Amino acid sequence: MFAETRAAVVGLGRSGVAAARLLLAAGARVRLIDQQDARCREVATMLEQGLDDVAGRVEIAAGPHHAGQFDGMDVAIMSPGVAVAKIRPFLPQANPPQVLAEMELASRFVQAPILAVTGTSGKTTTVTLAARMLEAAGKKVFLGGNIGTPLAEFVLSGETADVLVLEISSFQLQTCTTFHPRVGVFLNLAPNHLDYHADMEEYLQAKCMLFAQQTAADVAVVHASLRPLIEARGGLHASVRWFDEQAELSAGALLGAHNRANVQAAYLATSCFGVSKAQAQAAVDAFAPLPHRIQPVAEVKGVLFVNDSKATTPDAMAAAIRSMDRPVRLLAGGVFKGGDLTELTPLIREKVRQVALFGANRDVFEQAWQGVAPLSWDDTLEQAARRLFAEAQPGEAILLSPATASFDRYSSYTERGKDFMRVAALLEEEQA
């Protein structure tokens, strides 16, 4: 399929390396492109040592993007973290390479049906629920994509599955051209990644690529709130199943209306593969909240610490606050990616007793919420959390739900969440 194809792989994270390996295994010639020369050389050595017959088929083009990196290329495979807009100015005007996501590339090598989930928030919870439901029905499942294992790694493993359950982001969907899920799930839409996409229209357009290749034999599971947007774009070719927060199943240990919606979406999607309501409910009942997603981590002197570090948008923050059945003392702040914080004003007034900001972009929050709730700012998460704990009363919750990216202080939202858990454990030890 890709024999003798000249392929540039842009970004050498896990998915980029997997894409390079798959291309080489398919007979392509691969040019490795990364900002770091050392990373290029490390990956080139690994590929040449780990695969047979690749001598002379791997080259390096390291450093800042420039036109020469893409000269003579047939395709350019993008890692999810590299915006297409960043390389577009450097693509040749005559015969530019076709730009593809790693997910798109790998999907061309699979035969098993795909259940793919996108949305601004809730993707990881929903795909994990869907995988557990399918497993409860005796299906062999691969779970990966934008989380965990890249699809290209699964292809290379030679393993089989009855259903491929994939989380897929707007970054990946934007450069999909033949990606064809048997069941596509669109959970929700809110301003996000506007530091990556030009505007909300481009963001929505990328999400809708999930359904572009579907036919009447396929199924689209879509939140009812998105119906006007979908219909304004001409509707979908697939059979559509609309859902909302009115779930047919109990959400078990998962808190909040948004998780009831996630449960319903997972059930509707997996029922297309023969999962019964009883099997789906058994999977939900055995399901624990995922790390960094409205995850209770400690209770200190009657104050519950809840880690929702994965909330990187105002919409995700709002869902977390609504899920709390206690008064909230809120930890927020970091690299703001877009959205309207003023829309949360009524919710903050109703449920939040105090807001402690930390890290970058304090001005965005202060402008939105000045006079709405008591506000403070500290440089670090630990200082802000200690400030909240000093004021908190038994029966309240300290909720880390930052509504921001983490890159001002941490390498990822996971590291931010782990730091919050460390502080909670430290306070628990100090109060013992």
Protein backbone atom coordinates (compact mmCIF):
# COMPACT_ATOMS: atom_id res chain seq x y z
CA MET A 1 0.00 0.00 0.00
CA PHE A 2 2.83 2.40 0.84
CA ALA A 3 5.70 0.62 -0.92
CA GLU A 4 8.26 3.19 -2.15
CA THR A 5 6.10 6.04 -0.81
CA ARG A 6 8.18 8.99 0.38
CA ALA A 7 6.80 9.88 3.79
CA ALA A 8 7.65 12.64 6.24
CA VAL A 9 6.82 11.87 9.88
CA VAL A 10 6.39 15.13 11.79
CA GLY A 11 6.91 14.88 15.54
CA LEU A 12 8.58 11.88 17.14
CA GLY A 13 6.46 11.13 20.16
CA ARG A 14 4.96 7.69 20.64
CA SER A 15 2.47 7.97 17.77
CA GLY A 16 5.08 9.43 15.42
CA VAL A 17 7.50 6.58 16.11
CA ALA A 18 4.69 4.05 15.62
CA ALA A 19 3.78 5.68 12.29
CA ALA A 20 7.40 5.56 11.13
CA ARG A 21 7.69 1.89 12.03
CA LEU A 22 4.46 1.07 10.20
CA LEU A 23 5.51 2.97 7.10
CA LEU A 24 8.89 1.26 7.00
CA ALA A 25 7.26 -2.14 7.47
CA ALA A 26 5.02 -1.29 4.49
CA GLY A 27 8.05 -0.51 2.32
CA ALA A 28 8.04 3.30 2.48
CA ARG A 29 11.00 5.65 2.64
CA VAL A 30 10.75 7.77 5.79
CA ARG A 31 12.04 11.23 6.63
CA LEU A 32 12.05 11.95 10.38
CA ILE A 33 11.19 15.55 11.26
CA ASP A 34 11.50 16.85 14.81
CA GLN A 35 12.72 20.05 16.43
CA GLN A 36 15.40 18.10 18.31
CA ASP A 37 18.26 16.65 16.30
CA ALA A 38 19.16 14.26 19.13
CA ARG A 39 15.63 12.84 19.13
CA CYS A 40 15.77 12.30 15.37
CA ARG A 41 19.03 10.44 15.63
CA GLU A 42 17.82 8.35 18.55
CA VAL A 43 14.69 7.28 16.66
CA ALA A 44 16.60 6.64 13.43
CA THR A 45 19.01 4.33 15.25
CA MET A 46 16.14 2.52 16.97
CA LEU A 47 14.32 1.99 13.66
CA GLU A 48 17.40 0.75 11.84
CA GLN A 49 18.24 -1.68 14.63
CA GLY A 50 14.69 -2.85 15.25
CA LEU A 51 13.50 -3.51 11.70
CA ASP A 52 14.89 -5.57 8.85
CA ASP A 53 15.65 -4.13 5.41
CA VAL A 54 15.44 -0.45 6.33
CA ALA A 55 19.00 0.52 5.39
CA GLY A 56 18.90 3.63 3.24
CA ARG A 57 15.17 4.19 3.82
CA VAL A 58 15.46 6.45 6.90
CA GLU A 59 16.68 10.04 6.79
CA ILE A 60 16.68 12.96 9.23
CA ALA A 61 15.48 16.54 8.80
CA ALA A 62 15.74 18.08 12.26
CA GLY A 63 15.26 21.63 13.50
CA PRO A 64 12.68 24.37 12.99
CA HIS A 65 10.29 23.75 10.11
CA HIS A 66 11.45 24.87 6.67
CA ALA A 67 10.43 24.15 3.10
CA GLY A 68 13.27 21.73 2.46
CA GLN A 69 11.90 19.28 5.02
CA PHE A 70 8.91 18.54 2.79
CA ASP A 71 10.47 18.65 -0.67
CA GLY A 72 9.82 15.45 -2.61
CA MET A 73 7.45 13.96 -0.04
CA ASP A 74 4.29 12.08 -1.05
CA VAL A 75 2.70 12.14 2.41
CA ALA A 76 3.30 13.91 5.72
CA ILE A 77 2.17 12.06 8.84
CA MET A 78 1.35 14.43 11.69
CA SER A 79 1.75 13.70 15.36
CA PRO A 80 -1.30 14.96 17.32
CA GLY A 81 0.66 17.70 19.07
CA VAL A 82 1.82 19.37 15.84
CA ALA A 83 -0.74 21.76 14.37
CA VAL A 84 -1.25 21.44 10.63
CA ALA A 85 -1.17 25.25 10.41
CA LYS A 86 2.46 25.19 11.57
CA ILE A 87 3.70 23.21 8.57
CA ARG A 88 1.32 24.49 5.89
CA PRO A 89 3.52 27.50 4.95
CA PHE A 90 6.40 25.13 4.23
CA LEU A 91 4.60 22.66 1.95
CA PRO A 92 5.51 22.99 -1.75
CA GLN A 93 2.79 24.66 -3.80
CA ALA A 94 3.29 22.22 -6.66
CA ASN A 95 2.46 18.63 -5.71
CA PRO A 96 2.29 19.13 -1.93
CA PRO A 97 2.35 15.95 0.19
CA GLN A 98 -0.96 14.60 1.44
CA VAL A 99 -1.19 15.43 5.17
CA LEU A 100 -2.48 12.53 7.28
CA ALA A 101 -2.89 11.70 10.95
CA GLU A 102 -1.22 8.60 12.37
CA MET A 103 -4.73 7.30 13.14
CA GLU A 104 -5.74 7.74 9.49
CA LEU A 105 -2.61 5.95 8.31
CA ALA A 106 -3.08 3.00 10.65
CA SER A 107 -6.81 2.67 9.98
CA ARG A 108 -6.01 1.76 6.36
CA PHE A 109 -4.40 -1.46 7.63
CA VAL A 110 -7.27 -2.73 9.83
CA GLN A 111 -10.28 -4.90 9.05
CA ALA A 112 -12.04 -5.04 12.45
CA PRO A 113 -14.96 -2.66 13.00
CA ILE A 114 -14.17 0.62 14.72
CA LEU A 115 -16.05 2.33 17.54
CA ALA A 116 -14.60 5.84 17.71
CA VAL A 117 -15.36 8.56 20.25
CA THR A 118 -14.70 12.29 20.03
CA GLY A 119 -15.89 15.38 21.90
CA THR A 120 -14.46 18.22 23.94
CA SER A 121 -14.60 16.29 27.21
CA GLY A 122 -15.45 12.81 28.48
CA LYS A 123 -13.72 10.89 25.67
CA THR A 124 -11.44 8.77 27.83
CA THR A 125 -14.16 7.84 30.31
CA THR A 126 -16.54 6.92 27.49
CA VAL A 127 -14.11 4.77 25.49
CA THR A 128 -13.04 2.97 28.66
CA LEU A 129 -16.68 2.34 29.58
CA ALA A 130 -17.38 1.11 26.05
CA ALA A 131 -14.42 -1.28 26.16
CA ARG A 132 -15.55 -2.70 29.53
CA MET A 133 -19.11 -3.16 28.22
CA LEU A 134 -17.88 -5.01 25.14
CA GLU A 135 -15.62 -7.19 27.27
CA ALA A 136 -18.59 -7.97 29.54
CA ALA A 137 -20.30 -9.30 26.41
CA GLY A 138 -17.33 -11.54 25.65
CA LYS A 139 -15.78 -9.42 22.91
CA LYS A 140 -12.04 -9.14 22.35
CA VAL A 141 -11.30 -5.42 22.38
CA PHE A 142 -8.43 -3.13 21.48
CA LEU A 143 -8.64 0.18 23.38
CA GLY A 144 -6.34 2.98 22.26
CA GLY A 145 -5.84 5.79 19.78
CA ASN A 146 -5.52 9.17 21.44
CA ILE A 147 -5.03 7.41 24.78
CA GLY A 148 -2.58 4.66 25.59
CA THR A 149 -1.55 2.65 22.56
CA PRO A 150 -1.49 4.29 19.10
CA LEU A 151 -3.45 2.36 16.49
CA ALA A 152 -0.26 1.91 14.44
CA GLU A 153 1.27 -0.07 17.32
CA PHE A 154 -1.74 -2.39 17.35
CA VAL A 155 -1.36 -2.96 13.60
CA LEU A 156 2.32 -3.76 14.01
CA SER A 157 1.64 -6.19 16.88
CA GLY A 158 -0.24 -8.54 14.56
CA GLU A 159 -2.93 -9.04 17.20
CA THR A 160 -6.63 -9.29 16.40
CA ALA A 161 -9.76 -7.83 17.99
CA ASP A 162 -13.51 -8.08 17.53
CA VAL A 163 -13.89 -4.31 17.98
CA LEU A 164 -11.36 -1.46 17.94
CA VAL A 165 -12.42 1.18 20.50
CA LEU A 166 -10.62 4.42 19.69
CA GLU A 167 -10.48 7.82 21.32
CA ILE A 168 -9.88 10.37 18.59
CA SER A 169 -9.15 14.09 18.93
CA SER A 170 -9.85 17.03 16.65
CA PHE A 171 -6.10 17.14 15.94
CA GLN A 172 -6.29 13.65 14.45
CA LEU A 173 -9.66 14.04 12.76
CA GLN A 174 -8.57 17.21 10.97
CA THR A 175 -6.30 15.17 8.71
CA CYS A 176 -8.44 12.04 8.31
CA THR A 177 -9.64 11.33 4.78
CA THR A 178 -10.73 7.67 4.74
CA PHE A 179 -11.21 6.95 8.49
CA HIS A 180 -14.47 4.98 8.71
CA PRO A 181 -15.90 4.01 12.10
CA ARG A 182 -18.75 1.50 12.19
CA VAL A 183 -20.00 3.54 15.17
CA GLY A 184 -18.98 7.16 15.72
CA VAL A 185 -19.74 8.97 19.00
CA PHE A 186 -19.77 12.76 19.36
CA LEU A 187 -20.13 13.57 23.06
CA ASN A 188 -20.20 17.37 23.31
CA LEU A 189 -18.69 20.58 22.00
CA ALA A 190 -17.29 23.58 23.85
CA PRO A 191 -14.53 26.09 23.10
CA ASN A 192 -11.20 24.27 23.31
CA HIS A 193 -7.86 24.10 21.52
CA LEU A 194 -8.35 27.58 20.08
CA ASP A 195 -4.59 27.90 20.43
CA TYR A 196 -4.42 25.07 17.82
CA HIS A 197 -7.48 25.60 15.62
CA ALA A 198 -8.14 28.88 13.81
CA ASP A 199 -11.64 29.24 15.30
CA MET A 200 -14.65 27.28 16.54
CA GLU A 201 -15.82 26.56 12.99
CA GLU A 202 -12.55 24.81 12.17
CA TYR A 203 -12.77 22.92 15.48
CA LEU A 204 -16.34 21.76 14.72
CA GLN A 205 -15.41 20.88 11.16
CA ALA A 206 -12.60 18.66 12.45
CA LYS A 207 -14.94 16.89 14.88
CA CYS A 208 -17.50 16.26 12.13
CA MET A 209 -14.87 14.45 10.06
CA LEU A 210 -15.66 11.51 12.35
CA PHE A 211 -18.79 10.91 10.26
CA ALA A 212 -17.53 11.86 6.79
CA GLN A 213 -17.04 8.29 5.53
CA GLN A 214 -20.04 6.71 7.24
CA THR A 215 -22.95 5.26 5.25
CA ALA A 216 -26.52 4.31 6.06
CA ALA A 217 -25.18 0.97 7.35
CA ASP A 218 -23.24 2.78 10.11
CA VAL A 219 -24.36 4.43 13.36
CA ALA A 220 -23.71 7.92 14.72
CA VAL A 221 -24.30 8.45 18.45
CA VAL A 222 -24.60 12.19 19.02
CA HIS A 223 -25.53 14.35 22.02
CA ALA A 224 -28.92 15.97 21.50
CA SER A 225 -27.48 19.45 22.16
CA LEU A 226 -25.51 19.11 18.91
CA ARG A 227 -28.56 18.39 16.77
CA PRO A 228 -29.01 21.98 15.48
CA LEU A 229 -25.31 22.18 14.50
CA ILE A 230 -25.40 18.81 12.76
CA GLU A 231 -28.62 19.53 10.90
CA ALA A 232 -27.39 22.98 9.85
CA ARG A 233 -24.48 21.22 8.15
CA GLY A 234 -26.83 18.98 6.17
CA GLY A 235 -27.17 16.09 8.63
CA LEU A 236 -25.37 12.74 8.57
CA HIS A 237 -25.42 9.74 6.24
CA ALA A 238 -25.40 7.27 9.14
CA SER A 239 -28.33 6.17 11.27
CA VAL A 240 -28.32 8.69 14.15
CA ARG A 241 -29.01 7.87 17.79
CA TRP A 242 -29.41 11.03 19.87
CA PHE A 243 -28.68 10.89 23.59
CA ASP A 244 -28.61 13.17 26.63
CA GLU A 245 -28.17 12.97 30.40
CA GLN A 246 -31.26 10.75 30.80
CA ALA A 247 -29.41 7.44 30.93
CA GLU A 248 -31.09 4.05 30.74
CA LEU A 249 -28.45 2.77 33.17
CA SER A 250 -27.27 3.77 36.62
CA ALA A 251 -23.95 5.67 36.50
CA GLY A 252 -22.58 3.78 39.50
CA ALA A 253 -19.62 5.55 41.11
CA LEU A 254 -19.41 8.14 38.31
CA LEU A 255 -20.56 11.54 39.54
CA GLY A 256 -22.53 14.16 37.65
CA ALA A 257 -24.97 14.54 34.78
CA HIS A 258 -22.15 14.59 32.25
CA ASN A 259 -21.13 11.09 33.33
CA ARG A 260 -24.72 9.88 33.01
CA ALA A 261 -24.49 11.12 29.42
CA ASN A 262 -21.16 9.30 28.95
CA VAL A 263 -22.72 6.07 30.25
CA GLN A 264 -25.68 6.44 27.88
CA ALA A 265 -23.40 7.13 24.90
CA ALA A 266 -21.25 4.10 25.67
CA TYR A 267 -24.31 1.86 26.00
CA LEU A 268 -25.92 3.07 22.76
CA ALA A 269 -22.62 2.60 20.92
CA THR A 270 -21.87 -0.87 22.25
CA SER A 271 -25.43 -2.11 21.80
CA CYS A 272 -24.66 -1.96 18.08
CA PHE A 273 -22.24 -4.84 18.72
CA GLY A 274 -24.71 -6.95 20.71
CA VAL A 275 -24.10 -5.69 24.27
CA SER A 276 -27.19 -6.14 26.42
CA LYS A 277 -28.42 -3.66 29.01
CA ALA A 278 -27.55 -6.11 31.79
CA GLN A 279 -24.00 -6.56 30.48
CA ALA A 280 -23.53 -2.81 30.13
CA GLN A 281 -24.84 -2.18 33.65
CA ALA A 282 -22.51 -4.81 35.10
CA ALA A 283 -19.57 -3.04 33.46
CA VAL A 284 -20.66 0.34 34.85
CA ASP A 285 -21.16 -1.07 38.34
CA ALA A 286 -17.57 -2.37 38.34
CA PHE A 287 -16.17 0.88 36.95
CA ALA A 288 -14.16 3.27 39.15
CA PRO A 289 -13.57 6.94 38.24
CA LEU A 290 -10.48 7.32 36.09
CA PRO A 291 -7.44 9.15 37.49
CA HIS A 292 -7.60 12.96 37.27
CA ARG A 293 -11.28 12.95 36.26
CA ILE A 294 -13.44 14.01 39.23
CA GLN A 295 -11.44 11.54 41.30
CA PRO A 296 -11.87 11.63 45.10
CA VAL A 297 -8.36 11.21 46.51
CA ALA A 298 -8.50 11.97 50.26
CA GLU A 299 -10.71 13.24 53.06
CA VAL A 300 -8.90 15.33 55.67
CA LYS A 301 -10.77 16.56 58.75
CA GLY A 302 -14.04 16.12 56.88
CA VAL A 303 -12.82 18.02 53.78
CA LEU A 304 -12.94 15.98 50.55
CA PHE A 305 -10.08 16.48 48.06
CA VAL A 306 -11.18 15.88 44.45
CA ASN A 307 -8.70 15.67 41.58
CA ASP A 308 -10.14 16.84 38.24
CA SER A 309 -6.85 17.94 36.68
CA LYS A 310 -8.08 16.66 33.29
CA ALA A 311 -10.53 19.61 33.21
CA THR A 312 -8.66 21.88 30.81
CA THR A 313 -11.67 23.94 29.65
CA PRO A 314 -14.35 26.03 31.37
CA ASP A 315 -16.98 23.56 30.19
CA ALA A 316 -15.19 20.66 31.91
CA MET A 317 -14.80 22.77 35.05
CA ALA A 318 -18.54 23.50 35.06
CA ALA A 319 -19.33 19.78 34.78
CA ALA A 320 -17.09 19.03 37.76
CA ILE A 321 -18.61 21.76 39.94
CA ARG A 322 -22.15 20.59 39.11
CA SER A 323 -21.22 17.03 40.07
CA MET A 324 -20.29 18.04 43.63
CA ASP A 325 -22.91 17.43 46.33
CA ARG A 326 -20.89 19.59 48.77
CA PRO A 327 -19.96 23.29 48.87
CA VAL A 328 -16.84 23.76 46.74
CA ARG A 329 -13.54 25.52 47.33
CA LEU A 330 -12.06 25.68 43.84
CA LEU A 331 -8.46 25.44 42.66
CA ALA A 332 -8.00 26.92 39.18
CA GLY A 333 -5.41 28.46 36.89
CA GLY A 334 -2.76 27.70 34.32
CA VAL A 335 -2.48 28.25 30.57
CA PHE A 336 -5.94 29.39 29.44
CA LYS A 337 -6.94 27.87 26.08
CA GLY A 338 -10.11 29.83 25.42
CA GLY A 339 -13.77 29.92 26.35
CA ASP A 340 -16.02 32.28 28.30
CA LEU A 341 -15.52 32.11 32.06
CA THR A 342 -18.30 34.63 32.68
CA GLU A 343 -20.81 31.96 31.60
CA LEU A 344 -19.88 30.11 34.82
CA THR A 345 -20.78 33.10 37.04
CA PRO A 346 -24.20 31.80 38.20
CA LEU A 347 -22.68 28.38 38.99
CA ILE A 348 -19.78 29.93 40.90
CA ARG A 349 -22.19 32.05 42.94
CA GLU A 350 -24.37 29.02 43.70
CA LYS A 351 -21.81 26.36 44.60
CA VAL A 352 -18.32 27.85 45.11
CA ARG A 353 -17.37 29.48 48.41
CA GLN A 354 -13.81 30.40 47.48
CA VAL A 355 -11.54 30.37 44.41
CA ALA A 356 -7.79 29.95 44.84
CA LEU A 357 -5.85 30.64 41.64
CA PHE A 358 -2.32 29.44 40.94
CA GLY A 359 0.18 29.69 38.13
CA ALA A 360 -0.35 31.57 34.87
CA ASN A 361 -3.26 33.59 33.44
CA ARG A 362 -4.64 34.79 36.78
CA ASP A 363 -5.85 37.95 35.04
CA VAL A 364 -8.34 35.98 32.90
CA PHE A 365 -10.03 34.54 35.99
CA GLU A 366 -9.86 37.74 38.00
CA GLN A 367 -11.51 39.75 35.23
CA ALA A 368 -14.31 37.20 34.91
CA TRP A 369 -15.03 36.51 38.57
CA GLN A 370 -14.09 39.62 40.52
CA GLY A 371 -16.88 40.14 43.05
CA VAL A 372 -18.48 36.78 42.23
CA ALA A 373 -16.58 34.77 44.87
CA PRO A 374 -13.60 35.44 47.16
CA LEU A 375 -10.49 35.25 44.97
CA SER A 376 -6.83 34.76 45.82
CA TRP A 377 -3.70 33.92 43.87
CA ASP A 378 -0.57 31.94 44.70
CA ASP A 379 2.37 31.01 42.55
CA THR A 380 2.09 27.26 43.17
CA LEU A 381 -0.69 24.71 43.46
CA GLU A 382 0.50 23.67 46.92
CA GLN A 383 0.34 27.22 48.27
CA ALA A 384 -3.15 27.68 46.84
CA ALA A 385 -4.37 24.32 48.17
CA ARG A 386 -3.06 25.07 51.64
CA ARG A 387 -4.84 28.42 51.55
CA LEU A 388 -8.13 26.67 50.77
CA PHE A 389 -7.64 24.00 53.42
CA ALA A 390 -7.01 26.66 56.08
CA GLU A 391 -10.47 28.11 55.33
CA ALA A 392 -12.42 24.93 54.54
CA GLN A 393 -15.08 23.53 56.83
CA PRO A 394 -16.00 19.85 57.36
CA GLY A 395 -18.48 18.74 54.71
CA GLU A 396 -16.89 20.85 51.95
CA ALA A 397 -14.78 19.82 48.96
CA ILE A 398 -11.49 21.19 47.68
CA LEU A 399 -11.80 20.66 43.92
CA LEU A 400 -8.88 20.90 41.52
CA SER A 401 -10.61 21.68 38.23
CA PRO A 402 -8.29 24.19 36.57
CA ALA A 403 -10.07 24.94 33.23
CA THR A 404 -6.58 25.33 31.72
CA ALA A 405 -3.64 23.48 30.23
CA SER A 406 -0.87 22.64 32.66
CA PHE A 407 2.22 23.69 30.73
CA ASP A 408 3.06 26.75 32.84
CA ARG A 409 4.12 24.53 35.75
CA TYR A 410 3.80 20.88 34.70
CA SER A 411 4.60 18.61 31.77
CA SER A 412 1.00 17.37 31.61
CA TYR A 413 -2.35 17.44 33.38
CA THR A 414 -1.34 14.05 34.82
CA GLU A 415 1.66 15.55 36.60
CA ARG A 416 -0.51 18.41 37.87
CA GLY A 417 -3.01 15.90 39.25
CA LYS A 418 -0.27 13.88 40.91
CA ASP A 419 1.04 17.04 42.58
CA PHE A 420 -2.45 17.76 43.95
CA MET A 421 -2.63 14.20 45.28
CA ARG A 422 0.79 14.68 46.89
CA VAL A 423 -0.40 17.83 48.65
CA ALA A 424 -3.58 16.12 49.84
CA ALA A 425 -1.56 13.21 51.25
CA LEU A 426 0.83 15.64 52.92
CA LEU A 427 -2.03 17.51 54.58
CA GLU A 428 -3.55 14.21 55.68
CA GLU A 429 -0.23 13.24 57.29
CA GLU A 430 0.14 16.62 58.98
CA GLN A 431 -3.37 16.41 60.43
CA ALA A 432 -3.01 12.84 61.69
